[in-house]
Amino acid sequence: MMNAKELHERRKVRTRYQLKKKSDGRPRLSVHRTGENIYAQVIDDSKGLTVAAASSLDADLRKSLKTGADKKAAVAVGKLVAERAKKAGVTQVVFDRGGYVYHGRVKELAEAAREAGLDF
């Protein structure tokens, strides 16, 4: 029997495999969440570089957020990572939910990034 961590890793690998097949060279918006914070990165896999990143630990967001583990924090991180990606010249990405269900904080981050101008 597999434990929860192993199942999560299998979902993450399966999701990333499908993304690489369908990405057409676009960078991916990768999401990682913990019980206390949420993180997002725009990664260019062809070059192996992180183009833009944001998290609920950023100094700008930390002051304005009550906690880094709620939907408001996810929305703020989504907007911030989209702004930074656009500043770096990236407008189209593929969304890598990282083995998490597209629900709650992950969904809010994705919708905020879309509203801020990222296309996926």
N, C-alpha and C. Protein backbone atom coordinates (compact mmCIF):
# COMPACT_ATOMS: atom_id res chain seq x y z
N MET A 1 0.84 -1.18 0.00
CA MET A 1 0.00 0.00 0.00
C MET A 1 0.88 1.25 0.00
N MET A 2 0.52 2.20 -0.83
CA MET A 2 1.30 3.44 -0.93
C MET A 2 0.79 4.46 0.07
N ASN A 3 1.71 5.23 0.63
CA ASN A 3 1.28 6.28 1.54
C ASN A 3 0.92 7.55 0.74
N ALA A 4 0.46 8.56 1.42
CA ALA A 4 -0.03 9.77 0.77
C ALA A 4 1.06 10.49 0.01
N LYS A 5 2.27 10.51 0.54
CA LYS A 5 3.37 11.20 -0.13
C LYS A 5 3.72 10.53 -1.45
N GLU A 6 3.75 9.20 -1.45
CA GLU A 6 4.05 8.47 -2.69
C GLU A 6 2.96 8.68 -3.73
N LEU A 7 1.72 8.70 -3.32
CA LEU A 7 0.61 8.95 -4.24
C LEU A 7 0.71 10.36 -4.83
N HIS A 8 1.05 11.33 -3.99
CA HIS A 8 1.22 12.71 -4.46
C HIS A 8 2.33 12.78 -5.50
N GLU A 9 3.44 12.11 -5.25
CA GLU A 9 4.56 12.11 -6.20
C GLU A 9 4.14 11.49 -7.53
N ARG A 10 3.37 10.43 -7.50
CA ARG A 10 2.90 9.80 -8.74
C ARG A 10 2.01 10.75 -9.53
N ARG A 11 1.11 11.46 -8.83
CA ARG A 11 0.25 12.43 -9.52
C ARG A 11 1.08 13.55 -10.12
N LYS A 12 2.09 14.01 -9.38
CA LYS A 12 2.94 15.10 -9.85
C LYS A 12 3.69 14.69 -11.12
N VAL A 13 4.26 13.51 -11.11
CA VAL A 13 5.01 13.02 -12.27
C VAL A 13 4.08 12.84 -13.47
N ARG A 14 2.92 12.28 -13.24
CA ARG A 14 1.95 12.06 -14.32
C ARG A 14 1.50 13.39 -14.92
N THR A 15 1.23 14.37 -14.07
CA THR A 15 0.80 15.69 -14.55
C THR A 15 1.91 16.36 -15.35
N ARG A 16 3.13 16.31 -14.85
CA ARG A 16 4.26 16.94 -15.54
C ARG A 16 4.54 16.28 -16.88
N TYR A 17 4.38 14.96 -16.97
CA TYR A 17 4.58 14.24 -18.22
C TYR A 17 3.58 14.72 -19.27
N GLN A 18 2.34 14.84 -18.89
CA GLN A 18 1.31 15.31 -19.82
C GLN A 18 1.56 16.76 -20.25
N LEU A 19 2.03 17.58 -19.32
CA LEU A 19 2.33 18.98 -19.65
C LEU A 19 3.45 19.09 -20.67
N LYS A 20 4.49 18.30 -20.49
CA LYS A 20 5.62 18.38 -21.41
C LYS A 20 5.22 17.97 -22.81
N LYS A 21 4.29 17.02 -22.94
CA LYS A 21 3.82 16.61 -24.26
C LYS A 21 3.03 17.72 -24.94
N LYS A 22 2.30 18.52 -24.16
CA LYS A 22 1.38 19.49 -24.73
C LYS A 22 1.85 20.94 -24.62
N SER A 23 3.04 21.18 -24.09
CA SER A 23 3.45 22.55 -23.79
C SER A 23 3.87 23.35 -25.00
N ASP A 24 4.35 22.72 -26.06
CA ASP A 24 4.83 23.42 -27.26
C ASP A 24 5.91 24.45 -26.92
N GLY A 25 6.77 24.15 -25.98
CA GLY A 25 7.87 25.04 -25.64
C GLY A 25 7.51 26.19 -24.71
N ARG A 26 6.27 26.25 -24.27
CA ARG A 26 5.89 27.34 -23.35
C ARG A 26 6.43 27.05 -21.95
N PRO A 27 6.76 28.08 -21.19
CA PRO A 27 7.16 27.88 -19.80
C PRO A 27 5.98 27.38 -18.98
N ARG A 28 6.28 26.80 -17.84
CA ARG A 28 5.19 26.31 -17.00
C ARG A 28 5.09 27.11 -15.71
N LEU A 29 3.86 27.32 -15.28
CA LEU A 29 3.57 27.98 -14.01
C LEU A 29 3.37 26.87 -13.00
N SER A 30 4.37 26.66 -12.17
CA SER A 30 4.37 25.57 -11.20
C SER A 30 3.92 26.08 -9.84
N VAL A 31 3.05 25.32 -9.18
CA VAL A 31 2.49 25.71 -7.89
C VAL A 31 2.90 24.68 -6.83
N HIS A 32 3.29 25.19 -5.68
CA HIS A 32 3.58 24.34 -4.52
C HIS A 32 2.88 24.97 -3.32
N ARG A 33 2.21 24.15 -2.55
CA ARG A 33 1.54 24.69 -1.37
C ARG A 33 1.90 23.84 -0.16
N THR A 34 1.94 24.51 0.97
CA THR A 34 2.15 23.84 2.24
C THR A 34 1.02 24.26 3.16
N GLY A 35 1.06 23.80 4.36
CA GLY A 35 0.03 24.18 5.31
C GLY A 35 0.12 25.63 5.74
N GLU A 36 1.27 26.25 5.52
CA GLU A 36 1.49 27.62 5.98
C GLU A 36 1.68 28.63 4.86
N ASN A 37 2.11 28.21 3.66
CA ASN A 37 2.41 29.14 2.58
C ASN A 37 2.05 28.56 1.23
N ILE A 38 2.13 29.40 0.20
CA ILE A 38 1.92 28.97 -1.17
C ILE A 38 2.99 29.63 -2.04
N TYR A 39 3.50 28.87 -3.00
CA TYR A 39 4.60 29.31 -3.83
C TYR A 39 4.22 29.11 -5.29
N ALA A 40 4.71 29.98 -6.18
CA ALA A 40 4.50 29.83 -7.61
C ALA A 40 5.76 30.25 -8.36
N GLN A 41 6.08 29.50 -9.42
CA GLN A 41 7.24 29.81 -10.25
C GLN A 41 6.86 29.67 -11.71
N VAL A 42 7.42 30.50 -12.54
CA VAL A 42 7.34 30.32 -13.98
C VAL A 42 8.70 29.79 -14.41
N ILE A 43 8.72 28.56 -14.93
CA ILE A 43 9.96 27.86 -15.22
C ILE A 43 10.06 27.60 -16.72
N ASP A 44 11.20 27.95 -17.31
CA ASP A 44 11.49 27.62 -18.70
C ASP A 44 12.30 26.33 -18.70
N ASP A 45 11.64 25.21 -19.00
CA ASP A 45 12.31 23.91 -18.93
C ASP A 45 13.35 23.71 -20.03
N SER A 46 13.18 24.38 -21.17
CA SER A 46 14.16 24.21 -22.24
C SER A 46 15.52 24.80 -21.85
N LYS A 47 15.51 25.87 -21.08
CA LYS A 47 16.75 26.50 -20.62
C LYS A 47 17.11 26.10 -19.20
N GLY A 48 16.15 25.54 -18.46
CA GLY A 48 16.39 25.16 -17.07
C GLY A 48 16.47 26.36 -16.15
N LEU A 49 15.69 27.42 -16.45
CA LEU A 49 15.74 28.64 -15.66
C LEU A 49 14.39 28.97 -15.05
N THR A 50 14.41 29.58 -13.89
CA THR A 50 13.21 30.14 -13.30
C THR A 50 13.10 31.57 -13.79
N VAL A 51 12.02 31.86 -14.53
CA VAL A 51 11.83 33.18 -15.13
C VAL A 51 11.28 34.15 -14.09
N ALA A 52 10.30 33.70 -13.31
CA ALA A 52 9.68 34.55 -12.30
C ALA A 52 9.21 33.67 -11.15
N ALA A 53 9.17 34.24 -9.97
CA ALA A 53 8.72 33.49 -8.80
C ALA A 53 8.05 34.43 -7.81
N ALA A 54 7.13 33.88 -7.04
CA ALA A 54 6.48 34.65 -5.98
C ALA A 54 6.00 33.66 -4.92
N SER A 55 5.89 34.13 -3.72
CA SER A 55 5.36 33.29 -2.65
C SER A 55 4.72 34.17 -1.59
N SER A 56 4.00 33.54 -0.70
CA SER A 56 3.37 34.28 0.38
C SER A 56 4.40 34.75 1.41
N LEU A 57 5.66 34.37 1.23
CA LEU A 57 6.73 34.80 2.11
C LEU A 57 7.40 36.10 1.64
N ASP A 58 7.06 36.56 0.43
CA ASP A 58 7.64 37.81 -0.08
C ASP A 58 7.34 38.96 0.88
N ALA A 59 8.32 39.83 1.04
CA ALA A 59 8.19 40.93 1.99
C ALA A 59 6.99 41.83 1.68
N ASP A 60 6.72 42.05 0.38
CA ASP A 60 5.59 42.90 0.01
C ASP A 60 4.26 42.29 0.47
N LEU A 61 4.12 41.00 0.29
CA LEU A 61 2.86 40.34 0.61
C LEU A 61 2.71 40.04 2.09
N ARG A 62 3.81 39.73 2.73
CA ARG A 62 3.77 39.31 4.13
C ARG A 62 3.10 40.34 5.03
N LYS A 63 3.35 41.61 4.74
CA LYS A 63 2.80 42.68 5.57
C LYS A 63 1.29 42.81 5.39
N SER A 64 0.82 42.56 4.17
CA SER A 64 -0.59 42.77 3.88
C SER A 64 -1.46 41.54 4.13
N LEU A 65 -0.86 40.36 4.30
CA LEU A 65 -1.63 39.14 4.47
C LEU A 65 -1.74 38.75 5.94
N LYS A 66 -2.90 38.25 6.30
CA LYS A 66 -3.09 37.75 7.66
C LYS A 66 -2.34 36.43 7.85
N THR A 67 -2.45 35.56 6.84
CA THR A 67 -1.75 34.27 6.84
C THR A 67 -1.37 33.93 5.41
N GLY A 68 -0.40 33.08 5.24
CA GLY A 68 0.02 32.68 3.91
C GLY A 68 -0.68 31.45 3.42
N ALA A 69 -1.65 30.96 4.17
CA ALA A 69 -2.27 29.68 3.86
C ALA A 69 -3.76 29.79 3.58
N ASP A 70 -4.21 30.90 3.00
CA ASP A 70 -5.63 31.00 2.67
C ASP A 70 -5.79 31.45 1.22
N LYS A 71 -7.03 31.55 0.78
CA LYS A 71 -7.31 31.90 -0.61
C LYS A 71 -6.88 33.31 -0.95
N LYS A 72 -6.96 34.23 0.00
CA LYS A 72 -6.52 35.60 -0.25
C LYS A 72 -5.02 35.63 -0.55
N ALA A 73 -4.26 34.83 0.16
CA ALA A 73 -2.82 34.76 -0.10
C ALA A 73 -2.56 34.17 -1.47
N ALA A 74 -3.33 33.17 -1.86
CA ALA A 74 -3.16 32.55 -3.18
C ALA A 74 -3.46 33.54 -4.29
N VAL A 75 -4.49 34.35 -4.12
CA VAL A 75 -4.82 35.37 -5.11
C VAL A 75 -3.69 36.39 -5.22
N ALA A 76 -3.16 36.83 -4.10
CA ALA A 76 -2.07 37.81 -4.12
C ALA A 76 -0.82 37.23 -4.79
N VAL A 77 -0.50 35.99 -4.50
CA VAL A 77 0.67 35.35 -5.12
C VAL A 77 0.45 35.17 -6.61
N GLY A 78 -0.75 34.80 -7.02
CA GLY A 78 -1.06 34.64 -8.45
C GLY A 78 -0.89 35.94 -9.21
N LYS A 79 -1.38 37.04 -8.64
CA LYS A 79 -1.22 38.34 -9.30
C LYS A 79 0.25 38.75 -9.37
N LEU A 80 0.98 38.53 -8.29
CA LEU A 80 2.38 38.93 -8.24
C LEU A 80 3.23 38.13 -9.22
N VAL A 81 3.02 36.82 -9.30
CA VAL A 81 3.82 36.01 -10.23
C VAL A 81 3.48 36.37 -11.67
N ALA A 82 2.22 36.70 -11.95
CA ALA A 82 1.84 37.11 -13.31
C ALA A 82 2.51 38.44 -13.69
N GLU A 83 2.53 39.39 -12.77
CA GLU A 83 3.19 40.67 -13.03
C GLU A 83 4.68 40.48 -13.30
N ARG A 84 5.32 39.65 -12.50
CA ARG A 84 6.76 39.42 -12.66
C ARG A 84 7.05 38.67 -13.97
N ALA A 85 6.17 37.74 -14.34
CA ALA A 85 6.36 37.00 -15.59
C ALA A 85 6.20 37.93 -16.79
N LYS A 86 5.18 38.80 -16.73
CA LYS A 86 4.97 39.74 -17.83
C LYS A 86 6.15 40.70 -17.95
N LYS A 87 6.70 41.10 -16.82
CA LYS A 87 7.87 41.98 -16.81
C LYS A 87 9.08 41.28 -17.46
N ALA A 88 9.14 39.95 -17.30
CA ALA A 88 10.23 39.17 -17.89
C ALA A 88 9.95 38.80 -19.35
N GLY A 89 8.77 39.16 -19.86
CA GLY A 89 8.46 38.91 -21.25
C GLY A 89 7.69 37.63 -21.52
N VAL A 90 7.14 37.01 -20.51
CA VAL A 90 6.38 35.77 -20.67
C VAL A 90 4.90 36.08 -20.52
N THR A 91 4.12 35.72 -21.54
CA THR A 91 2.67 35.93 -21.47
C THR A 91 1.89 34.62 -21.57
N GLN A 92 2.49 33.59 -22.19
CA GLN A 92 1.81 32.30 -22.32
C GLN A 92 2.56 31.25 -21.53
N VAL A 93 1.83 30.51 -20.72
CA VAL A 93 2.40 29.44 -19.90
C VAL A 93 1.47 28.24 -19.93
N VAL A 94 1.96 27.13 -19.39
CA VAL A 94 1.10 25.99 -19.10
C VAL A 94 1.03 25.88 -17.59
N PHE A 95 -0.12 25.48 -17.06
CA PHE A 95 -0.31 25.46 -15.62
C PHE A 95 0.02 24.09 -15.07
N ASP A 96 0.99 24.03 -14.17
CA ASP A 96 1.42 22.80 -13.51
C ASP A 96 0.91 22.83 -12.08
N ARG A 97 -0.15 22.09 -11.83
CA ARG A 97 -0.76 22.09 -10.49
C ARG A 97 0.04 21.25 -9.50
N GLY A 98 1.04 20.53 -9.99
CA GLY A 98 1.98 19.84 -9.12
C GLY A 98 1.40 18.70 -8.31
N GLY A 99 0.43 17.99 -8.81
CA GLY A 99 -0.14 16.87 -8.08
C GLY A 99 -1.26 17.26 -7.14
N TYR A 100 -1.54 18.56 -7.03
CA TYR A 100 -2.62 19.02 -6.17
C TYR A 100 -3.92 19.05 -6.98
N VAL A 101 -5.03 18.90 -6.31
CA VAL A 101 -6.32 18.99 -6.96
C VAL A 101 -6.57 20.44 -7.35
N TYR A 102 -7.13 20.66 -8.54
CA TYR A 102 -7.43 22.01 -9.00
C TYR A 102 -8.67 22.50 -8.25
N HIS A 103 -8.45 22.96 -7.03
CA HIS A 103 -9.53 23.34 -6.14
C HIS A 103 -8.94 24.22 -5.04
N GLY A 104 -9.72 25.10 -4.50
CA GLY A 104 -9.28 25.90 -3.37
C GLY A 104 -8.17 26.87 -3.72
N ARG A 105 -7.06 26.79 -2.96
CA ARG A 105 -5.96 27.74 -3.13
C ARG A 105 -5.30 27.64 -4.49
N VAL A 106 -5.17 26.42 -5.01
CA VAL A 106 -4.54 26.23 -6.32
C VAL A 106 -5.39 26.88 -7.41
N LYS A 107 -6.68 26.69 -7.34
CA LYS A 107 -7.59 27.28 -8.32
C LYS A 107 -7.59 28.81 -8.22
N GLU A 108 -7.60 29.35 -7.02
CA GLU A 108 -7.59 30.80 -6.83
C GLU A 108 -6.32 31.41 -7.39
N LEU A 109 -5.19 30.76 -7.17
CA LEU A 109 -3.92 31.26 -7.71
C LEU A 109 -3.98 31.28 -9.23
N ALA A 110 -4.48 30.23 -9.84
CA ALA A 110 -4.56 30.15 -11.30
C ALA A 110 -5.48 31.23 -11.86
N GLU A 111 -6.63 31.42 -11.26
CA GLU A 111 -7.58 32.42 -11.75
C GLU A 111 -7.03 33.83 -11.60
N ALA A 112 -6.31 34.09 -10.50
CA ALA A 112 -5.71 35.41 -10.30
C ALA A 112 -4.61 35.67 -11.33
N ALA A 113 -3.83 34.64 -11.66
CA ALA A 113 -2.79 34.80 -12.66
C ALA A 113 -3.39 35.06 -14.04
N ARG A 114 -4.50 34.41 -14.34
CA ARG A 114 -5.20 34.65 -15.60
C ARG A 114 -5.71 36.08 -15.67
N GLU A 115 -6.33 36.53 -14.60
CA GLU A 115 -6.87 37.89 -14.56
C GLU A 115 -5.76 38.94 -14.68
N ALA A 116 -4.57 38.62 -14.18
CA ALA A 116 -3.46 39.57 -14.23
C ALA A 116 -2.74 39.55 -15.57
N GLY A 117 -3.15 38.67 -16.49
CA GLY A 117 -2.61 38.74 -17.84
C GLY A 117 -1.87 37.53 -18.37
N LEU A 118 -1.70 36.48 -17.58
CA LEU A 118 -1.07 35.28 -18.10
C LEU A 118 -2.10 34.48 -18.88
N ASP A 119 -1.67 33.90 -19.99
CA ASP A 119 -2.56 33.13 -20.86
C ASP A 119 -2.24 31.66 -20.72
N PHE A 120 -3.20 30.88 -20.21
CA PHE A 120 -3.07 29.42 -20.15
C PHE A 120 -4.42 28.77 -20.10
